[in-house]
Amino acid sequence: MTYVDVTTWQADVTLATGEFKFSAYDDWLINFGKGTAANELEFNASDNLTSPGSGNYRISITLDVVNGYTYSITQL
């Protein structure tokens, strides 16, 4: 992912149908999965996120300790 601003990272990716999580430094010590609200990320979540389907997407994650952890997925 590419650093966008103080709290946001972004990447253009090809997804398959299935589940995924975000991890840092190729290690599961720091990971983010499905939160309780829509588009919410949870630190060290037990639940994975669900891919919207096969295709090319822009994924953005915002890791803001004050306003919360969120993500967005937009089809390209």
N, C-alpha and C. Protein backbone atom coordinates (compact mmCIF):
# COMPACT_ATOMS: atom_id res chain seq x y z
N MET A 1 0.84 -1.17 0.00
CA MET A 1 0.00 0.00 0.00
C MET A 1 0.89 1.24 0.00
N THR A 2 0.34 2.32 -0.52
CA THR A 2 1.05 3.59 -0.63
C THR A 2 0.51 4.57 0.39
N TYR A 3 1.41 5.25 1.05
CA TYR A 3 1.07 6.28 2.03
C TYR A 3 0.41 7.45 1.31
N VAL A 4 -0.80 7.86 1.75
CA VAL A 4 -1.53 8.97 1.13
C VAL A 4 -1.44 10.23 1.97
N ASP A 5 -1.73 10.09 3.26
CA ASP A 5 -1.61 11.21 4.19
C ASP A 5 -1.36 10.68 5.59
N VAL A 6 -1.52 11.50 6.57
CA VAL A 6 -1.14 11.16 7.94
C VAL A 6 -1.76 9.84 8.43
N THR A 7 -2.98 9.53 8.02
CA THR A 7 -3.65 8.34 8.55
C THR A 7 -4.11 7.35 7.46
N THR A 8 -3.88 7.66 6.19
CA THR A 8 -4.47 6.86 5.11
C THR A 8 -3.43 6.20 4.22
N TRP A 9 -3.72 4.94 3.87
CA TRP A 9 -2.92 4.15 2.93
C TRP A 9 -3.84 3.68 1.82
N GLN A 10 -3.28 3.45 0.61
CA GLN A 10 -4.11 3.09 -0.52
C GLN A 10 -3.36 2.15 -1.46
N ALA A 11 -4.12 1.26 -2.14
CA ALA A 11 -3.52 0.38 -3.13
C ALA A 11 -4.57 -0.02 -4.16
N ASP A 12 -4.11 -0.21 -5.40
CA ASP A 12 -4.94 -0.78 -6.45
C ASP A 12 -4.58 -2.26 -6.52
N VAL A 13 -5.59 -3.12 -6.37
CA VAL A 13 -5.35 -4.55 -6.27
C VAL A 13 -6.34 -5.34 -7.11
N THR A 14 -5.98 -6.57 -7.40
CA THR A 14 -6.90 -7.52 -8.03
C THR A 14 -7.33 -8.49 -6.94
N LEU A 15 -8.64 -8.55 -6.71
CA LEU A 15 -9.18 -9.44 -5.68
C LEU A 15 -9.89 -10.63 -6.32
N ALA A 16 -9.87 -11.72 -5.62
CA ALA A 16 -10.68 -12.89 -5.97
C ALA A 16 -11.86 -12.91 -5.01
N THR A 17 -12.82 -13.73 -5.29
CA THR A 17 -13.93 -13.92 -4.35
C THR A 17 -13.38 -14.63 -3.12
N GLY A 18 -13.75 -14.18 -1.95
CA GLY A 18 -13.27 -14.81 -0.72
C GLY A 18 -13.12 -13.81 0.40
N GLU A 19 -12.20 -14.10 1.31
CA GLU A 19 -11.99 -13.27 2.49
C GLU A 19 -10.55 -12.78 2.55
N PHE A 20 -10.34 -11.71 3.31
CA PHE A 20 -8.99 -11.17 3.47
C PHE A 20 -8.91 -10.34 4.74
N LYS A 21 -7.68 -10.01 5.14
CA LYS A 21 -7.38 -9.12 6.26
C LYS A 21 -6.20 -8.25 5.85
N PHE A 22 -5.99 -7.19 6.59
CA PHE A 22 -4.81 -6.35 6.41
C PHE A 22 -3.81 -6.70 7.49
N SER A 23 -2.55 -6.85 7.10
CA SER A 23 -1.50 -7.09 8.10
C SER A 23 -0.33 -6.15 7.81
N ALA A 24 0.47 -5.93 8.83
CA ALA A 24 1.62 -5.03 8.69
C ALA A 24 2.91 -5.84 8.72
N TYR A 25 3.85 -5.45 7.88
CA TYR A 25 5.20 -6.00 7.89
C TYR A 25 5.24 -7.51 7.65
N ASP A 26 4.31 -8.04 6.83
CA ASP A 26 4.26 -9.48 6.54
C ASP A 26 4.20 -10.31 7.82
N ASP A 27 3.48 -9.80 8.81
CA ASP A 27 3.37 -10.46 10.11
C ASP A 27 1.96 -10.25 10.64
N TRP A 28 1.40 -11.25 11.29
CA TRP A 28 0.04 -11.15 11.82
C TRP A 28 0.00 -10.50 13.20
N LEU A 29 1.15 -10.08 13.73
CA LEU A 29 1.18 -9.40 15.03
C LEU A 29 0.34 -8.13 15.00
N ILE A 30 0.37 -7.43 13.87
CA ILE A 30 -0.47 -6.25 13.66
C ILE A 30 -1.39 -6.56 12.49
N ASN A 31 -2.70 -6.73 12.77
CA ASN A 31 -3.64 -7.02 11.69
C ASN A 31 -4.96 -6.35 11.97
N PHE A 32 -5.70 -6.12 10.89
CA PHE A 32 -7.01 -5.48 10.95
C PHE A 32 -8.01 -6.30 10.15
N GLY A 33 -9.13 -6.62 10.77
CA GLY A 33 -10.19 -7.38 10.12
C GLY A 33 -11.52 -6.70 10.30
N LYS A 34 -12.58 -7.47 10.15
CA LYS A 34 -13.94 -6.94 10.17
C LYS A 34 -14.33 -6.39 11.53
N GLY A 35 -14.80 -5.14 11.54
CA GLY A 35 -15.32 -4.52 12.75
C GLY A 35 -16.82 -4.75 12.86
N THR A 36 -17.44 -4.11 13.82
CA THR A 36 -18.88 -4.31 14.04
C THR A 36 -19.75 -3.45 13.13
N ALA A 37 -19.28 -2.28 12.72
CA ALA A 37 -20.05 -1.40 11.84
C ALA A 37 -19.57 -1.56 10.40
N ALA A 38 -20.39 -1.10 9.45
CA ALA A 38 -20.00 -1.16 8.04
C ALA A 38 -18.73 -0.36 7.81
N ASN A 39 -17.82 -0.92 7.05
CA ASN A 39 -16.54 -0.30 6.69
C ASN A 39 -15.63 -0.01 7.88
N GLU A 40 -15.89 -0.63 9.01
CA GLU A 40 -15.05 -0.45 10.19
C GLU A 40 -14.02 -1.58 10.26
N LEU A 41 -12.80 -1.23 10.60
CA LEU A 41 -11.76 -2.21 10.84
C LEU A 41 -11.56 -2.38 12.34
N GLU A 42 -11.22 -3.58 12.72
CA GLU A 42 -10.94 -3.87 14.13
C GLU A 42 -9.52 -4.41 14.24
N PHE A 43 -8.76 -3.86 15.18
CA PHE A 43 -7.39 -4.32 15.42
C PHE A 43 -7.43 -5.73 15.98
N ASN A 44 -6.61 -6.61 15.42
CA ASN A 44 -6.53 -8.03 15.81
C ASN A 44 -7.90 -8.71 15.83
N ALA A 45 -8.72 -8.40 14.83
CA ALA A 45 -10.07 -8.97 14.72
C ALA A 45 -10.00 -10.46 14.44
N SER A 46 -10.97 -11.19 14.96
CA SER A 46 -11.04 -12.62 14.65
C SER A 46 -11.73 -12.86 13.31
N ASP A 47 -12.57 -11.90 12.86
CA ASP A 47 -13.31 -12.06 11.60
C ASP A 47 -12.57 -11.40 10.45
N ASN A 48 -12.61 -12.06 9.30
CA ASN A 48 -12.03 -11.53 8.07
C ASN A 48 -13.00 -10.59 7.37
N LEU A 49 -12.49 -9.80 6.45
CA LEU A 49 -13.30 -8.98 5.56
C LEU A 49 -13.71 -9.84 4.37
N THR A 50 -14.80 -9.49 3.71
CA THR A 50 -15.28 -10.25 2.55
C THR A 50 -15.03 -9.44 1.28
N SER A 51 -14.44 -10.08 0.30
CA SER A 51 -14.22 -9.45 -1.00
C SER A 51 -15.55 -9.18 -1.67
N PRO A 52 -15.68 -8.03 -2.35
CA PRO A 52 -16.93 -7.75 -3.07
C PRO A 52 -17.08 -8.60 -4.34
N GLY A 53 -16.07 -9.37 -4.69
CA GLY A 53 -16.10 -10.22 -5.88
C GLY A 53 -14.81 -10.08 -6.65
N SER A 54 -14.63 -10.93 -7.64
CA SER A 54 -13.42 -10.89 -8.45
C SER A 54 -13.36 -9.61 -9.26
N GLY A 55 -12.18 -9.00 -9.31
CA GLY A 55 -12.02 -7.79 -10.12
C GLY A 55 -10.93 -6.89 -9.59
N ASN A 56 -10.80 -5.73 -10.22
CA ASN A 56 -9.79 -4.74 -9.85
C ASN A 56 -10.43 -3.67 -8.97
N TYR A 57 -9.76 -3.36 -7.87
CA TYR A 57 -10.31 -2.44 -6.88
C TYR A 57 -9.25 -1.50 -6.35
N ARG A 58 -9.68 -0.34 -5.87
CA ARG A 58 -8.83 0.56 -5.10
C ARG A 58 -9.27 0.41 -3.65
N ILE A 59 -8.34 0.02 -2.81
CA ILE A 59 -8.61 -0.15 -1.38
C ILE A 59 -7.90 0.94 -0.61
N SER A 60 -8.62 1.61 0.26
CA SER A 60 -8.04 2.62 1.14
C SER A 60 -8.33 2.22 2.58
N ILE A 61 -7.32 2.38 3.43
CA ILE A 61 -7.55 2.17 4.86
C ILE A 61 -7.12 3.43 5.60
N THR A 62 -7.91 3.79 6.59
CA THR A 62 -7.61 4.94 7.43
C THR A 62 -7.43 4.42 8.85
N LEU A 63 -6.26 4.65 9.40
CA LEU A 63 -5.94 4.20 10.75
C LEU A 63 -5.78 5.43 11.63
N ASP A 64 -6.89 5.88 12.15
CA ASP A 64 -6.95 7.11 12.94
C ASP A 64 -7.33 6.74 14.37
N VAL A 65 -6.42 6.90 15.31
CA VAL A 65 -6.67 6.48 16.70
C VAL A 65 -7.77 7.30 17.35
N VAL A 66 -8.07 8.49 16.85
CA VAL A 66 -9.12 9.33 17.41
C VAL A 66 -10.48 9.00 16.78
N ASN A 67 -10.53 8.94 15.45
CA ASN A 67 -11.79 8.76 14.73
C ASN A 67 -12.09 7.33 14.32
N GLY A 68 -11.17 6.43 14.58
CA GLY A 68 -11.41 5.02 14.30
C GLY A 68 -10.68 4.50 13.07
N TYR A 69 -10.78 3.19 12.88
CA TYR A 69 -10.13 2.49 11.78
C TYR A 69 -11.21 2.13 10.76
N THR A 70 -11.02 2.57 9.50
CA THR A 70 -12.02 2.31 8.46
C THR A 70 -11.34 1.90 7.16
N TYR A 71 -12.14 1.37 6.24
CA TYR A 71 -11.64 1.02 4.92
C TYR A 71 -12.71 1.30 3.89
N SER A 72 -12.27 1.44 2.63
CA SER A 72 -13.20 1.55 1.52
C SER A 72 -12.66 0.73 0.36
N ILE A 73 -13.57 0.18 -0.42
CA ILE A 73 -13.22 -0.59 -1.60
C ILE A 73 -14.04 -0.05 -2.77
N THR A 74 -13.34 0.41 -3.82
CA THR A 74 -14.01 0.97 -4.98
C THR A 74 -13.56 0.19 -6.22
N GLN A 75 -14.52 -0.28 -7.00
CA GLN A 75 -14.16 -1.01 -8.21
C GLN A 75 -13.59 -0.05 -9.25
N LEU A 76 -12.52 -0.48 -9.91
CA LEU A 76 -11.88 0.35 -10.94
C LEU A 76 -12.42 0.01 -12.32
